Amino acid sequence: SEIGVTGLTVTEVKGFGRQKGHTE
């Protein structure tokens, strides 16, 4: 917003990369 971007779309997603998730 500070640099003048007036619109965006936000989506909640799930995924993994190199960390391959974790254990809980």
mmCIF file of all heavy atoms, coordinates in Angstrom:
data_MODEL
# 
_entry.id   MODEL 
# 
loop_
_atom_site.group_PDB 
_atom_site.id 
_atom_site.type_symbol 
_atom_site.label_atom_id 
_atom_site.label_alt_id 
_atom_site.label_comp_id 
_atom_site.label_asym_id 
_atom_site.label_entity_id 
_atom_site.label_seq_id 
_atom_site.pdbx_PDB_ins_code 
_atom_site.Cartn_x 
_atom_site.Cartn_y 
_atom_site.Cartn_z 
_atom_site.occupancy 
_atom_site.B_iso_or_equiv 
_atom_site.pdbx_formal_charge 
_atom_site.auth_seq_id 
_atom_site.auth_comp_id 
_atom_site.auth_asym_id 
_atom_site.auth_atom_id 
_atom_site.pdbx_PDB_model_num 
ATOM 1   N N   . SER A 1 1  ? 0.834  -1.211  0.000  1.00 0.00 ? 1  SER A N   1 
ATOM 2   C CA  . SER A 1 1  ? 0.000  0.000   0.000  1.00 0.00 ? 1  SER A CA  1 
ATOM 3   C C   . SER A 1 1  ? 0.863  1.253   0.000  1.00 0.00 ? 1  SER A C   1 
ATOM 4   O O   . SER A 1 1  ? 0.540  2.234   -0.672 1.00 0.00 ? 1  SER A O   1 
ATOM 5   C CB  . SER A 1 1  ? -0.926 0.016   1.212  1.00 0.00 ? 1  SER A CB  1 
ATOM 6   O OG  . SER A 1 1  ? -1.891 -0.990  1.105  1.00 0.00 ? 1  SER A OG  1 
ATOM 7   N N   . GLU A 1 2  ? 1.964  1.220   0.747  1.00 0.00 ? 2  GLU A N   1 
ATOM 8   C CA  . GLU A 1 2  ? 2.865  2.377   0.830  1.00 0.00 ? 2  GLU A CA  1 
ATOM 9   C C   . GLU A 1 2  ? 3.492  2.727   -0.514 1.00 0.00 ? 2  GLU A C   1 
ATOM 10  O O   . GLU A 1 2  ? 3.797  3.885   -0.770 1.00 0.00 ? 2  GLU A O   1 
ATOM 11  C CB  . GLU A 1 2  ? 3.959  2.116   1.864  1.00 0.00 ? 2  GLU A CB  1 
ATOM 12  C CG  . GLU A 1 2  ? 3.461  2.164   3.288  1.00 0.00 ? 2  GLU A CG  1 
ATOM 13  C CD  . GLU A 1 2  ? 4.525  1.744   4.302  1.00 0.00 ? 2  GLU A CD  1 
ATOM 14  O OE1 . GLU A 1 2  ? 5.700  1.555   3.905  1.00 0.00 ? 2  GLU A OE1 1 
ATOM 15  O OE2 . GLU A 1 2  ? 4.169  1.587   5.481  1.00 0.00 ? 2  GLU A OE2 1 
ATOM 16  N N   . ILE A 1 3  ? 3.680  1.729   -1.393 1.00 0.00 ? 3  ILE A N   1 
ATOM 17  C CA  . ILE A 1 3  ? 4.290  2.028   -2.693 1.00 0.00 ? 3  ILE A CA  1 
ATOM 18  C C   . ILE A 1 3  ? 3.231  2.218   -3.781 1.00 0.00 ? 3  ILE A C   1 
ATOM 19  O O   . ILE A 1 3  ? 3.569  2.338   -4.957 1.00 0.00 ? 3  ILE A O   1 
ATOM 20  C CB  . ILE A 1 3  ? 5.319  0.959   -3.117 1.00 0.00 ? 3  ILE A CB  1 
ATOM 21  C CG1 . ILE A 1 3  ? 4.653  -0.403  -3.342 1.00 0.00 ? 3  ILE A CG1 1 
ATOM 22  C CG2 . ILE A 1 3  ? 6.454  0.876   -2.122 1.00 0.00 ? 3  ILE A CG2 1 
ATOM 23  C CD1 . ILE A 1 3  ? 5.531  -1.374  -4.105 1.00 0.00 ? 3  ILE A CD1 1 
ATOM 24  N N   . GLY A 1 4  ? 1.964  2.218   -3.397 1.00 0.00 ? 4  GLY A N   1 
ATOM 25  C CA  . GLY A 1 4  ? 0.914  2.555   -4.352 1.00 0.00 ? 4  GLY A CA  1 
ATOM 26  C C   . GLY A 1 4  ? 0.166  1.401   -4.984 1.00 0.00 ? 4  GLY A C   1 
ATOM 27  O O   . GLY A 1 4  ? -0.600 1.607   -5.920 1.00 0.00 ? 4  GLY A O   1 
ATOM 28  N N   . VAL A 1 5  ? 0.352  0.186   -4.502 1.00 0.00 ? 5  VAL A N   1 
ATOM 29  C CA  . VAL A 1 5  ? -0.421 -0.946  -5.020 1.00 0.00 ? 5  VAL A CA  1 
ATOM 30  C C   . VAL A 1 5  ? -1.847 -0.807  -4.497 1.00 0.00 ? 5  VAL A C   1 
ATOM 31  O O   . VAL A 1 5  ? -2.066 -0.723  -3.292 1.00 0.00 ? 5  VAL A O   1 
ATOM 32  C CB  . VAL A 1 5  ? 0.198  -2.300  -4.599 1.00 0.00 ? 5  VAL A CB  1 
ATOM 33  C CG1 . VAL A 1 5  ? -0.707 -3.462  -4.981 1.00 0.00 ? 5  VAL A CG1 1 
ATOM 34  C CG2 . VAL A 1 5  ? 1.578  -2.458  -5.210 1.00 0.00 ? 5  VAL A CG2 1 
ATOM 35  N N   . THR A 1 6  ? -2.808 -0.761  -5.419 1.00 0.00 ? 6  THR A N   1 
ATOM 36  C CA  . THR A 1 6  ? -4.193 -0.476  -5.018 1.00 0.00 ? 6  THR A CA  1 
ATOM 37  C C   . THR A 1 6  ? -5.076 -1.702  -4.927 1.00 0.00 ? 6  THR A C   1 
ATOM 38  O O   . THR A 1 6  ? -6.183 -1.617  -4.418 1.00 0.00 ? 6  THR A O   1 
ATOM 39  C CB  . THR A 1 6  ? -4.835 0.508   -6.009 1.00 0.00 ? 6  THR A CB  1 
ATOM 40  O OG1 . THR A 1 6  ? -4.768 -0.053  -7.320 1.00 0.00 ? 6  THR A OG1 1 
ATOM 41  C CG2 . THR A 1 6  ? -4.123 1.847   -5.971 1.00 0.00 ? 6  THR A CG2 1 
ATOM 42  N N   . GLY A 1 7  ? -4.633 -2.841  -5.420 1.00 0.00 ? 7  GLY A N   1 
ATOM 43  C CA  . GLY A 1 7  ? -5.473 -4.022  -5.345 1.00 0.00 ? 7  GLY A CA  1 
ATOM 44  C C   . GLY A 1 7  ? -4.664 -5.293  -5.383 1.00 0.00 ? 7  GLY A C   1 
ATOM 45  O O   . GLY A 1 7  ? -3.606 -5.356  -6.008 1.00 0.00 ? 7  GLY A O   1 
ATOM 46  N N   . LEU A 1 8  ? -5.161 -6.290  -4.674 1.00 0.00 ? 8  LEU A N   1 
ATOM 47  C CA  . LEU A 1 8  ? -4.527 -7.601  -4.693 1.00 0.00 ? 8  LEU A CA  1 
ATOM 48  C C   . LEU A 1 8  ? -5.555 -8.641  -4.283 1.00 0.00 ? 8  LEU A C   1 
ATOM 49  O O   . LEU A 1 8  ? -6.589 -8.314  -3.722 1.00 0.00 ? 8  LEU A O   1 
ATOM 50  C CB  . LEU A 1 8  ? -3.291 -7.652  -3.789 1.00 0.00 ? 8  LEU A CB  1 
ATOM 51  C CG  . LEU A 1 8  ? -3.413 -7.224  -2.332 1.00 0.00 ? 8  LEU A CG  1 
ATOM 52  C CD1 . LEU A 1 8  ? -3.826 -8.367  -1.440 1.00 0.00 ? 8  LEU A CD1 1 
ATOM 53  C CD2 . LEU A 1 8  ? -2.074 -6.707  -1.867 1.00 0.00 ? 8  LEU A CD2 1 
ATOM 54  N N   . THR A 1 9  ? -5.259 -9.889  -4.588 1.00 0.00 ? 9  THR A N   1 
ATOM 55  C CA  . THR A 1 9  ? -6.124 -11.001 -4.216 1.00 0.00 ? 9  THR A CA  1 
ATOM 56  C C   . THR A 1 9  ? -5.351 -11.891 -3.266 1.00 0.00 ? 9  THR A C   1 
ATOM 57  O O   . THR A 1 9  ? -4.180 -12.199 -3.510 1.00 0.00 ? 9  THR A O   1 
ATOM 58  C CB  . THR A 1 9  ? -6.538 -11.808 -5.464 1.00 0.00 ? 9  THR A CB  1 
ATOM 59  O OG1 . THR A 1 9  ? -7.216 -10.937 -6.365 1.00 0.00 ? 9  THR A OG1 1 
ATOM 60  C CG2 . THR A 1 9  ? -7.450 -12.964 -5.096 1.00 0.00 ? 9  THR A CG2 1 
ATOM 61  N N   . VAL A 1 10 ? -5.997 -12.318 -2.179 1.00 0.00 ? 10 VAL A N   1 
ATOM 62  C CA  . VAL A 1 10 ? -5.359 -13.157 -1.179 1.00 0.00 ? 10 VAL A CA  1 
ATOM 63  C C   . VAL A 1 10 ? -6.147 -14.453 -1.047 1.00 0.00 ? 10 VAL A C   1 
ATOM 64  O O   . VAL A 1 10 ? -7.370 -14.431 -0.955 1.00 0.00 ? 10 VAL A O   1 
ATOM 65  C CB  . VAL A 1 10 ? -5.304 -12.435 0.192  1.00 0.00 ? 10 VAL A CB  1 
ATOM 66  C CG1 . VAL A 1 10 ? -4.747 -13.348 1.267  1.00 0.00 ? 10 VAL A CG1 1 
ATOM 67  C CG2 . VAL A 1 10 ? -4.491 -11.162 0.086  1.00 0.00 ? 10 VAL A CG2 1 
ATOM 68  N N   . THR A 1 11 ? -5.421 -15.568 -1.043 1.00 0.00 ? 11 THR A N   1 
ATOM 69  C CA  . THR A 1 11 ? -6.034 -16.883 -0.902 1.00 0.00 ? 11 THR A CA  1 
ATOM 70  C C   . THR A 1 11 ? -5.276 -17.668 0.154  1.00 0.00 ? 11 THR A C   1 
ATOM 71  O O   . THR A 1 11 ? -4.040 -17.657 0.163  1.00 0.00 ? 11 THR A O   1 
ATOM 72  C CB  . THR A 1 11 ? -5.963 -17.659 -2.238 1.00 0.00 ? 11 THR A CB  1 
ATOM 73  O OG1 . THR A 1 11 ? -6.452 -16.840 -3.293 1.00 0.00 ? 11 THR A OG1 1 
ATOM 74  C CG2 . THR A 1 11 ? -6.779 -18.927 -2.176 1.00 0.00 ? 11 THR A CG2 1 
ATOM 75  N N   . GLU A 1 12 ? -6.002 -18.361 1.030  1.00 0.00 ? 12 GLU A N   1 
ATOM 76  C CA  . GLU A 1 12 ? -5.359 -19.270 1.975  1.00 0.00 ? 12 GLU A CA  1 
ATOM 77  C C   . GLU A 1 12 ? -5.121 -20.587 1.250  1.00 0.00 ? 12 GLU A C   1 
ATOM 78  O O   . GLU A 1 12 ? -6.044 -21.171 0.687  1.00 0.00 ? 12 GLU A O   1 
ATOM 79  C CB  . GLU A 1 12 ? -6.243 -19.497 3.194  1.00 0.00 ? 12 GLU A CB  1 
ATOM 80  C CG  . GLU A 1 12 ? -6.402 -18.264 4.062  1.00 0.00 ? 12 GLU A CG  1 
ATOM 81  C CD  . GLU A 1 12 ? -7.256 -18.525 5.291  1.00 0.00 ? 12 GLU A CD  1 
ATOM 82  O OE1 . GLU A 1 12 ? -7.516 -19.702 5.620  1.00 0.00 ? 12 GLU A OE1 1 
ATOM 83  O OE2 . GLU A 1 12 ? -7.661 -17.539 5.910  1.00 0.00 ? 12 GLU A OE2 1 
ATOM 84  N N   . VAL A 1 13 ? -3.869 -21.039 1.252  1.00 0.00 ? 13 VAL A N   1 
ATOM 85  C CA  . VAL A 1 13 ? -3.502 -22.272 0.551  1.00 0.00 ? 13 VAL A CA  1 
ATOM 86  C C   . VAL A 1 13 ? -2.677 -23.153 1.482  1.00 0.00 ? 13 VAL A C   1 
ATOM 87  O O   . VAL A 1 13 ? -2.276 -22.727 2.563  1.00 0.00 ? 13 VAL A O   1 
ATOM 88  C CB  . VAL A 1 13 ? -2.713 -21.974 -0.746 1.00 0.00 ? 13 VAL A CB  1 
ATOM 89  C CG1 . VAL A 1 13 ? -3.579 -21.220 -1.739 1.00 0.00 ? 13 VAL A CG1 1 
ATOM 90  C CG2 . VAL A 1 13 ? -1.440 -21.214 -0.459 1.00 0.00 ? 13 VAL A CG2 1 
ATOM 91  N N   . LYS A 1 14 ? -2.426 -24.373 1.052  1.00 0.00 ? 14 LYS A N   1 
ATOM 92  C CA  . LYS A 1 14 ? -1.541 -25.279 1.783  1.00 0.00 ? 14 LYS A CA  1 
ATOM 93  C C   . LYS A 1 14 ? -0.558 -25.861 0.792  1.00 0.00 ? 14 LYS A C   1 
ATOM 94  O O   . LYS A 1 14 ? -0.887 -26.061 -0.380 1.00 0.00 ? 14 LYS A O   1 
ATOM 95  C CB  . LYS A 1 14 ? -2.332 -26.410 2.441  1.00 0.00 ? 14 LYS A CB  1 
ATOM 96  C CG  . LYS A 1 14 ? -3.210 -25.930 3.564  1.00 0.00 ? 14 LYS A CG  1 
ATOM 97  C CD  . LYS A 1 14 ? -3.876 -27.083 4.253  1.00 0.00 ? 14 LYS A CD  1 
ATOM 98  C CE  . LYS A 1 14 ? -4.735 -26.538 5.383  1.00 0.00 ? 14 LYS A CE  1 
ATOM 99  N NZ  . LYS A 1 14 ? -5.136 -27.583 6.281  1.00 0.00 ? 14 LYS A NZ  1 
ATOM 100 N N   . GLY A 1 15 ? 0.657  -26.123 1.250  1.00 0.00 ? 15 GLY A N   1 
ATOM 101 C CA  . GLY A 1 15 ? 1.653  -26.701 0.375  1.00 0.00 ? 15 GLY A CA  1 
ATOM 102 C C   . GLY A 1 15 ? 2.924  -27.027 1.133  1.00 0.00 ? 15 GLY A C   1 
ATOM 103 O O   . GLY A 1 15 ? 2.994  -26.882 2.349  1.00 0.00 ? 15 GLY A O   1 
ATOM 104 N N   . PHE A 1 16 ? 3.910  -27.486 0.387  1.00 0.00 ? 16 PHE A N   1 
ATOM 105 C CA  . PHE A 1 16 ? 5.210  -27.741 0.983  1.00 0.00 ? 16 PHE A CA  1 
ATOM 106 C C   . PHE A 1 16 ? 6.286  -27.544 -0.068 1.00 0.00 ? 16 PHE A C   1 
ATOM 107 O O   . PHE A 1 16 ? 6.030  -27.613 -1.263 1.00 0.00 ? 16 PHE A O   1 
ATOM 108 C CB  . PHE A 1 16 ? 5.307  -29.144 1.597  1.00 0.00 ? 16 PHE A CB  1 
ATOM 109 C CG  . PHE A 1 16 ? 5.302  -30.253 0.584  1.00 0.00 ? 16 PHE A CG  1 
ATOM 110 C CD1 . PHE A 1 16 ? 6.487  -30.729 0.055  1.00 0.00 ? 16 PHE A CD1 1 
ATOM 111 C CD2 . PHE A 1 16 ? 4.114  -30.830 0.175  1.00 0.00 ? 16 PHE A CD2 1 
ATOM 112 C CE1 . PHE A 1 16 ? 6.482  -31.748 -0.884 1.00 0.00 ? 16 PHE A CE1 1 
ATOM 113 C CE2 . PHE A 1 16 ? 4.100  -31.851 -0.746 1.00 0.00 ? 16 PHE A CE2 1 
ATOM 114 C CZ  . PHE A 1 16 ? 5.297  -32.314 -1.281 1.00 0.00 ? 16 PHE A CZ  1 
ATOM 115 N N   . GLY A 1 17 ? 7.464  -27.266 0.406  1.00 0.00 ? 17 GLY A N   1 
ATOM 116 C CA  . GLY A 1 17 ? 8.624  -27.101 -0.458 1.00 0.00 ? 17 GLY A CA  1 
ATOM 117 C C   . GLY A 1 17 ? 9.726  -27.990 0.062  1.00 0.00 ? 17 GLY A C   1 
ATOM 118 O O   . GLY A 1 17 ? 9.491  -29.155 0.395  1.00 0.00 ? 17 GLY A O   1 
ATOM 119 N N   . ARG A 1 18 ? 10.887 -27.431 0.200  1.00 0.00 ? 18 ARG A N   1 
ATOM 120 C CA  . ARG A 1 18 ? 12.029 -28.221 0.661  1.00 0.00 ? 18 ARG A CA  1 
ATOM 121 C C   . ARG A 1 18 ? 11.858 -28.752 2.080  1.00 0.00 ? 18 ARG A C   1 
ATOM 122 O O   . ARG A 1 18 ? 12.416 -29.769 2.435  1.00 0.00 ? 18 ARG A O   1 
ATOM 123 C CB  . ARG A 1 18 ? 13.294 -27.381 0.600  1.00 0.00 ? 18 ARG A CB  1 
ATOM 124 C CG  . ARG A 1 18 ? 13.755 -27.156 -0.801 1.00 0.00 ? 18 ARG A CG  1 
ATOM 125 C CD  . ARG A 1 18 ? 15.099 -26.482 -0.818 1.00 0.00 ? 18 ARG A CD  1 
ATOM 126 N NE  . ARG A 1 18 ? 15.496 -26.249 -2.193 1.00 0.00 ? 18 ARG A NE  1 
ATOM 127 C CZ  . ARG A 1 18 ? 16.358 -25.347 -2.548 1.00 0.00 ? 18 ARG A CZ  1 
ATOM 128 N NH1 . ARG A 1 18 ? 16.925 -24.587 -1.643 1.00 0.00 ? 18 ARG A NH1 1 
ATOM 129 N NH2 . ARG A 1 18 ? 16.658 -25.199 -3.814 1.00 0.00 ? 18 ARG A NH2 1 
ATOM 130 N N   . GLN A 1 19 ? 11.083 -28.043 2.907  1.00 0.00 ? 19 GLN A N   1 
ATOM 131 C CA  . GLN A 1 19 ? 10.963 -28.486 4.294  1.00 0.00 ? 19 GLN A CA  1 
ATOM 132 C C   . GLN A 1 19 ? 10.113 -29.734 4.426  1.00 0.00 ? 19 GLN A C   1 
ATOM 133 O O   . GLN A 1 19 ? 10.132 -30.406 5.436  1.00 0.00 ? 19 GLN A O   1 
ATOM 134 C CB  . GLN A 1 19 ? 10.444 -27.361 5.200  1.00 0.00 ? 19 GLN A CB  1 
ATOM 135 C CG  . GLN A 1 19 ? 8.946  -27.122 5.092  1.00 0.00 ? 19 GLN A CG  1 
ATOM 136 C CD  . GLN A 1 19 ? 8.560  -25.996 4.179  1.00 0.00 ? 19 GLN A CD  1 
ATOM 137 O OE1 . GLN A 1 19 ? 9.165  -25.780 3.134  1.00 0.00 ? 19 GLN A OE1 1 
ATOM 138 N NE2 . GLN A 1 19 ? 7.545  -25.263 4.541  1.00 0.00 ? 19 GLN A NE2 1 
ATOM 139 N N   . LYS A 1 20 ? 9.331  -30.095 3.423  1.00 0.00 ? 20 LYS A N   1 
ATOM 140 C CA  . LYS A 1 20 ? 8.546  -31.328 3.373  1.00 0.00 ? 20 LYS A CA  1 
ATOM 141 C C   . LYS A 1 20 ? 7.617  -31.520 4.568  1.00 0.00 ? 20 LYS A C   1 
ATOM 142 O O   . LYS A 1 20 ? 7.414  -32.617 5.040  1.00 0.00 ? 20 LYS A O   1 
ATOM 143 C CB  . LYS A 1 20 ? 9.470  -32.557 3.273  1.00 0.00 ? 20 LYS A CB  1 
ATOM 144 C CG  . LYS A 1 20 ? 10.430 -32.532 2.129  1.00 0.00 ? 20 LYS A CG  1 
ATOM 145 C CD  . LYS A 1 20 ? 9.781  -33.068 0.880  1.00 0.00 ? 20 LYS A CD  1 
ATOM 146 C CE  . LYS A 1 20 ? 10.797 -33.367 -0.174 1.00 0.00 ? 20 LYS A CE  1 
ATOM 147 N NZ  . LYS A 1 20 ? 10.979 -32.344 -1.151 1.00 0.00 ? 20 LYS A NZ  1 
ATOM 148 N N   . GLY A 1 21 ? 7.074  -30.443 5.096  1.00 0.00 ? 21 GLY A N   1 
ATOM 149 C CA  . GLY A 1 21 ? 6.164  -30.556 6.234  1.00 0.00 ? 21 GLY A CA  1 
ATOM 150 C C   . GLY A 1 21 ? 6.934  -30.748 7.527  1.00 0.00 ? 21 GLY A C   1 
ATOM 151 O O   . GLY A 1 21 ? 8.139  -30.533 7.595  1.00 0.00 ? 21 GLY A O   1 
ATOM 152 N N   . HIS A 1 22 ? 6.228  -31.182 8.556  1.00 0.00 ? 22 HIS A N   1 
ATOM 153 C CA  . HIS A 1 22 ? 6.861  -31.420 9.846  1.00 0.00 ? 22 HIS A CA  1 
ATOM 154 C C   . HIS A 1 22 ? 5.999  -32.366 10.669 1.00 0.00 ? 22 HIS A C   1 
ATOM 155 O O   . HIS A 1 22 ? 4.879  -32.682 10.298 1.00 0.00 ? 22 HIS A O   1 
ATOM 156 C CB  . HIS A 1 22 ? 7.087  -30.091 10.588 1.00 0.00 ? 22 HIS A CB  1 
ATOM 157 C CG  . HIS A 1 22 ? 5.819  -29.373 10.931 1.00 0.00 ? 22 HIS A CG  1 
ATOM 158 N ND1 . HIS A 1 22 ? 5.153  -28.565 10.030 1.00 0.00 ? 22 HIS A ND1 1 
ATOM 159 C CD2 . HIS A 1 22 ? 5.082  -29.357 12.059 1.00 0.00 ? 22 HIS A CD2 1 
ATOM 160 C CE1 . HIS A 1 22 ? 4.067  -28.073 10.609 1.00 0.00 ? 22 HIS A CE1 1 
ATOM 161 N NE2 . HIS A 1 22 ? 3.998  -28.536 11.829 1.00 0.00 ? 22 HIS A NE2 1 
ATOM 162 N N   . THR A 1 23 ? 6.529  -32.824 11.807 1.00 0.00 ? 23 THR A N   1 
ATOM 163 C CA  . THR A 1 23 ? 5.761  -33.712 12.686 1.00 0.00 ? 23 THR A CA  1 
ATOM 164 C C   . THR A 1 23 ? 5.260  -32.918 13.881 1.00 0.00 ? 23 THR A C   1 
ATOM 165 O O   . THR A 1 23 ? 5.900  -31.969 14.338 1.00 0.00 ? 23 THR A O   1 
ATOM 166 C CB  . THR A 1 23 ? 6.617  -34.896 13.177 1.00 0.00 ? 23 THR A CB  1 
ATOM 167 O OG1 . THR A 1 23 ? 7.752  -34.380 13.866 1.00 0.00 ? 23 THR A OG1 1 
ATOM 168 C CG2 . THR A 1 23 ? 7.069  -35.755 12.016 1.00 0.00 ? 23 THR A CG2 1 
ATOM 169 N N   . GLU A 1 24 ? 4.093  -33.311 14.376 1.00 0.00 ? 24 GLU A N   1 
ATOM 170 C CA  . GLU A 1 24 ? 3.509  -32.683 15.555 1.00 0.00 ? 24 GLU A CA  1 
ATOM 171 C C   . GLU A 1 24 ? 2.991  -33.771 16.481 1.00 0.00 ? 24 GLU A C   1 
ATOM 172 O O   . GLU A 1 24 ? 2.770  -34.908 16.067 1.00 0.00 ? 24 GLU A O   1 
ATOM 173 C CB  . GLU A 1 24 ? 2.351  -31.758 15.155 1.00 0.00 ? 24 GLU A CB  1 
ATOM 174 C CG  . GLU A 1 24 ? 2.799  -30.501 14.444 1.00 0.00 ? 24 GLU A CG  1 
ATOM 175 C CD  . GLU A 1 24 ? 1.662  -29.526 14.211 1.00 0.00 ? 24 GLU A CD  1 
ATOM 176 O OE1 . GLU A 1 24 ? 0.530  -29.790 14.651 1.00 0.00 ? 24 GLU A OE1 1 
ATOM 177 O OE2 . GLU A 1 24 ? 1.913  -28.492 13.580 1.00 0.00 ? 24 GLU A OE2 1 
# 
